[in-house]
């Protein structure tokens, strides 16, 4: 069974690139904003990992991650943030929320793949 990877970004090109990079080894689920992603999770779908953009319509990454990390059931889900903002204070703000990595756009998809994959090797697959 593959790990389930939730990718949340309003840029269709980013979603497409990441789906192409991860789909061979991960069960990829794509959402266009934090609200759609949160609704999907609240329906009982639990991702093993999340990649999320910061700036999105409806609900941005910060609000989405804050809500996920407040729920003890979802707190341990690893989160990777994608951002255009190269600010130390912004990175620290997200790291304090509990994100695993803060990746600047433009990013190297292969580098992100290996960051996610290396972390996923430490996460046991759920036994059904």
C-alpha atoms as a PDB file:
ATOM      1  CA  UNK A   1       0.000   0.000   0.000  1.00  0.00           C
ATOM      2  CA  UNK A   2       1.264   3.462  -0.917  1.00  0.00           C
ATOM      3  CA  UNK A   3       1.471   6.398   1.464  1.00  0.00           C
ATOM      4  CA  UNK A   4      -1.282   8.944   0.823  1.00  0.00           C
ATOM      5  CA  UNK A   5       0.105  12.381  -0.075  1.00  0.00           C
ATOM      6  CA  UNK A   6      -2.200  15.424   0.028  1.00  0.00           C
ATOM      7  CA  UNK A   7      -1.040  18.317  -2.159  1.00  0.00           C
ATOM      8  CA  UNK A   8      -2.770  21.661  -1.607  1.00  0.00           C
ATOM      9  CA  UNK A   9      -2.032  24.471  -4.065  1.00  0.00           C
ATOM     10  CA  UNK A  10      -4.120  26.813  -6.197  1.00  0.00           C
ATOM     11  CA  UNK A  11      -1.594  26.723  -9.068  1.00  0.00           C
ATOM     12  CA  UNK A  12      -2.614  23.995 -11.491  1.00  0.00           C
ATOM     13  CA  UNK A  13       0.923  23.796 -12.885  1.00  0.00           C
ATOM     14  CA  UNK A  14       2.350  23.058  -9.420  1.00  0.00           C
ATOM     15  CA  UNK A  15      -0.336  20.416  -8.806  1.00  0.00           C
ATOM     16  CA  UNK A  16       0.425  18.812 -12.157  1.00  0.00           C
ATOM     17  CA  UNK A  17       4.205  18.822 -11.641  1.00  0.00           C
ATOM     18  CA  UNK A  18       3.921  17.357  -8.149  1.00  0.00           C
ATOM     19  CA  UNK A  19       1.422  14.738  -9.254  1.00  0.00           C
ATOM     20  CA  UNK A  20       3.827  13.651 -11.996  1.00  0.00           C
ATOM     21  CA  UNK A  21       6.750  13.511  -9.562  1.00  0.00           C
ATOM     22  CA  UNK A  22       4.964  11.647  -6.760  1.00  0.00           C
ATOM     23  CA  UNK A  23       2.223   9.533  -8.356  1.00  0.00           C
ATOM     24  CA  UNK A  24       4.379   6.501  -9.103  1.00  0.00           C
ATOM     25  CA  UNK A  25       5.254   6.003  -5.424  1.00  0.00           C
ATOM     26  CA  UNK A  26       2.398   7.771  -3.608  1.00  0.00           C
ATOM     27  CA  UNK A  27      -1.366   7.870  -3.664  1.00  0.00           C
ATOM     28  CA  UNK A  28      -1.668  11.568  -4.598  1.00  0.00           C
ATOM     29  CA  UNK A  29      -4.723  13.659  -3.691  1.00  0.00           C
ATOM     30  CA  UNK A  30      -4.878  17.241  -5.005  1.00  0.00           C
ATOM     31  CA  UNK A  31      -6.871  20.145  -3.551  1.00  0.00           C
ATOM     32  CA  UNK A  32      -6.969  23.781  -4.700  1.00  0.00           C
ATOM     33  CA  UNK A  33      -7.229  25.494  -1.311  1.00  0.00           C
ATOM     34  CA  UNK A  34      -7.056  24.862   2.410  1.00  0.00           C
ATOM     35  CA  UNK A  35     -10.827  24.705   2.872  1.00  0.00           C
ATOM     36  CA  UNK A  36     -11.259  21.943   0.283  1.00  0.00           C
ATOM     37  CA  UNK A  37      -8.337  20.061   1.867  1.00  0.00           C
ATOM     38  CA  UNK A  38      -9.754  20.479   5.381  1.00  0.00           C
ATOM     39  CA  UNK A  39     -13.216  19.358   4.224  1.00  0.00           C
ATOM     40  CA  UNK A  40     -11.649  16.280   2.608  1.00  0.00           C
ATOM     41  CA  UNK A  41      -9.785  15.422   5.826  1.00  0.00           C
ATOM     42  CA  UNK A  42     -12.876  16.005   7.969  1.00  0.00           C
ATOM     43  CA  UNK A  43     -14.748  13.500   5.765  1.00  0.00           C
ATOM     44  CA  UNK A  44     -12.449  10.851   7.247  1.00  0.00           C
ATOM     45  CA  UNK A  45      -9.635  10.879   4.692  1.00  0.00           C
ATOM     46  CA  UNK A  46      -6.311  10.887   6.501  1.00  0.00           C
ATOM     47  CA  UNK A  47      -3.175  11.676   4.505  1.00  0.00           C
ATOM     48  CA  UNK A  48       0.206  10.327   5.555  1.00  0.00           C
ATOM     49  CA  UNK A  49       1.876  13.579   4.467  1.00  0.00           C
ATOM     50  CA  UNK A  50       0.854  17.028   3.240  1.00  0.00           C
ATOM     51  CA  UNK A  51       2.488  19.510   0.863  1.00  0.00           C
ATOM     52  CA  UNK A  52       0.757  22.882   1.093  1.00  0.00           C
ATOM     53  CA  UNK A  53       1.163  26.297  -0.503  1.00  0.00           C
ATOM     54  CA  UNK A  54       0.887  29.369   1.724  1.00  0.00           C
ATOM     55  CA  UNK A  55      -0.969  31.833  -0.489  1.00  0.00           C
ATOM     56  CA  UNK A  56      -4.281  30.437  -1.702  1.00  0.00           C
ATOM     57  CA  UNK A  57      -7.834  31.754  -2.040  1.00  0.00           C
ATOM     58  CA  UNK A  58     -10.635  30.739   0.354  1.00  0.00           C
ATOM     59  CA  UNK A  59      -8.240  29.379   3.036  1.00  0.00           C
ATOM     60  CA  UNK A  60      -4.500  29.860   2.927  1.00  0.00           C
ATOM     61  CA  UNK A  61      -1.795  27.545   4.136  1.00  0.00           C
ATOM     62  CA  UNK A  62      -1.239  29.159   7.529  1.00  0.00           C
ATOM     63  CA  UNK A  63      -4.879  28.844   8.564  1.00  0.00           C
ATOM     64  CA  UNK A  64      -5.093  25.306   7.180  1.00  0.00           C
ATOM     65  CA  UNK A  65      -1.945  24.151   8.995  1.00  0.00           C
ATOM     66  CA  UNK A  66      -3.025  25.880  12.220  1.00  0.00           C
ATOM     67  CA  UNK A  67      -6.310  23.980  12.187  1.00  0.00           C
ATOM     68  CA  UNK A  68      -4.619  20.663  11.392  1.00  0.00           C
ATOM     69  CA  UNK A  69      -1.984  21.066  14.090  1.00  0.00           C
ATOM     70  CA  UNK A  70      -4.583  22.045  16.741  1.00  0.00           C
ATOM     71  CA  UNK A  71      -6.373  18.714  16.290  1.00  0.00           C
ATOM     72  CA  UNK A  72      -4.459  16.108  18.270  1.00  0.00           C
ATOM     73  CA  UNK A  73      -5.516  13.376  15.843  1.00  0.00           C
ATOM     74  CA  UNK A  74      -3.879  15.201  12.897  1.00  0.00           C
ATOM     75  CA  UNK A  75      -0.971  16.824  14.734  1.00  0.00           C
ATOM     76  CA  UNK A  76       1.562  14.173  13.773  1.00  0.00           C
ATOM     77  CA  UNK A  77       0.910  14.360  10.009  1.00  0.00           C
ATOM     78  CA  UNK A  78       4.136  15.654   8.414  1.00  0.00           C
ATOM     79  CA  UNK A  79       3.673  18.943   6.533  1.00  0.00           C
ATOM     80  CA  UNK A  80       5.877  20.540   3.894  1.00  0.00           C
ATOM     81  CA  UNK A  81       5.209  24.195   3.078  1.00  0.00           C
ATOM     82  CA  UNK A  82       5.707  25.738  -0.382  1.00  0.00           C
ATOM     83  CA  UNK A  83       6.241  29.479  -0.412  1.00  0.00           C
ATOM     84  CA  UNK A  84       7.395  32.415  -2.516  1.00  0.00           C
ATOM     85  CA  UNK A  85       8.434  34.244   0.668  1.00  0.00           C
ATOM     86  CA  UNK A  86      12.094  33.959   1.617  1.00  0.00           C
ATOM     87  CA  UNK A  87      11.781  35.501   5.049  1.00  0.00           C
ATOM     88  CA  UNK A  88      13.394  34.088   8.159  1.00  0.00           C
ATOM     89  CA  UNK A  89      10.525  35.303  10.346  1.00  0.00           C
ATOM     90  CA  UNK A  90       7.979  33.661   8.021  1.00  0.00           C
ATOM     91  CA  UNK A  91       9.909  30.372   8.080  1.00  0.00           C
ATOM     92  CA  UNK A  92      10.082  30.482  11.886  1.00  0.00           C
ATOM     93  CA  UNK A  93       6.352  31.240  12.083  1.00  0.00           C
ATOM     94  CA  UNK A  94       5.601  28.035  10.172  1.00  0.00           C
ATOM     95  CA  UNK A  95       8.218  25.939  11.951  1.00  0.00           C
ATOM     96  CA  UNK A  96       6.620  26.961  15.255  1.00  0.00           C
ATOM     97  CA  UNK A  97       3.348  25.541  13.919  1.00  0.00           C
ATOM     98  CA  UNK A  98       5.084  22.204  13.529  1.00  0.00           C
ATOM     99  CA  UNK A  99       5.833  22.003   9.806  1.00  0.00           C
ATOM    100  CA  UNK A 100       8.636  19.658   8.792  1.00  0.00           C
ATOM    101  CA  UNK A 101      10.140  21.807   6.054  1.00  0.00           C
ATOM    102  CA  UNK A 102       9.684  25.183   4.383  1.00  0.00           C
ATOM    103  CA  UNK A 103      10.467  24.956   0.657  1.00  0.00           C
ATOM    104  CA  UNK A 104      10.948  28.058  -1.465  1.00  0.00           C
ATOM    105  CA  UNK A 105       9.398  28.454  -4.908  1.00  0.00           C
ATOM    106  CA  UNK A 106      10.704  27.929  -7.479  1.00  0.00           C
ATOM    107  CA  UNK A 107      11.796  24.551  -6.150  1.00  0.00           C
ATOM    108  CA  UNK A 108      13.462  21.491  -7.564  1.00  0.00           C
ATOM    109  CA  UNK A 109      10.746  18.788  -7.732  1.00  0.00           C
ATOM    110  CA  UNK A 110      13.303  15.993  -7.321  1.00  0.00           C
ATOM    111  CA  UNK A 111      14.693  17.601  -4.163  1.00  0.00           C
ATOM    112  CA  UNK A 112      11.177  17.859  -2.712  1.00  0.00           C
ATOM    113  CA  UNK A 113      10.506  14.246  -3.704  1.00  0.00           C
ATOM    114  CA  UNK A 114      13.527  13.059  -1.714  1.00  0.00           C
ATOM    115  CA  UNK A 115      12.697  15.212   1.308  1.00  0.00           C
ATOM    116  CA  UNK A 116       9.205  13.706   1.410  1.00  0.00           C
ATOM    117  CA  UNK A 117      10.423  10.178   0.636  1.00  0.00           C
ATOM    118  CA  UNK A 118      13.158  10.216   3.266  1.00  0.00           C
ATOM    119  CA  UNK A 119      10.651  11.300   5.891  1.00  0.00           C
ATOM    120  CA  UNK A 120       8.038   8.801   4.690  1.00  0.00           C
ATOM    121  CA  UNK A 121      10.503   5.958   5.276  1.00  0.00           C
ATOM    122  CA  UNK A 122      10.237   6.763   8.994  1.00  0.00           C
ATOM    123  CA  UNK A 123       6.427   6.543   8.952  1.00  0.00           C
ATOM    124  CA  UNK A 124       4.975   3.040   9.198  1.00  0.00           C
ATOM    125  CA  UNK A 125       2.194   2.290   6.727  1.00  0.00           C
ATOM    126  CA  UNK A 126      -1.189   1.774   8.315  1.00  0.00           C
ATOM    127  CA  UNK A 127      -2.084  -1.911   8.490  1.00  0.00           C
ATOM    128  CA  UNK A 128      -5.555  -2.602   7.096  1.00  0.00           C
END
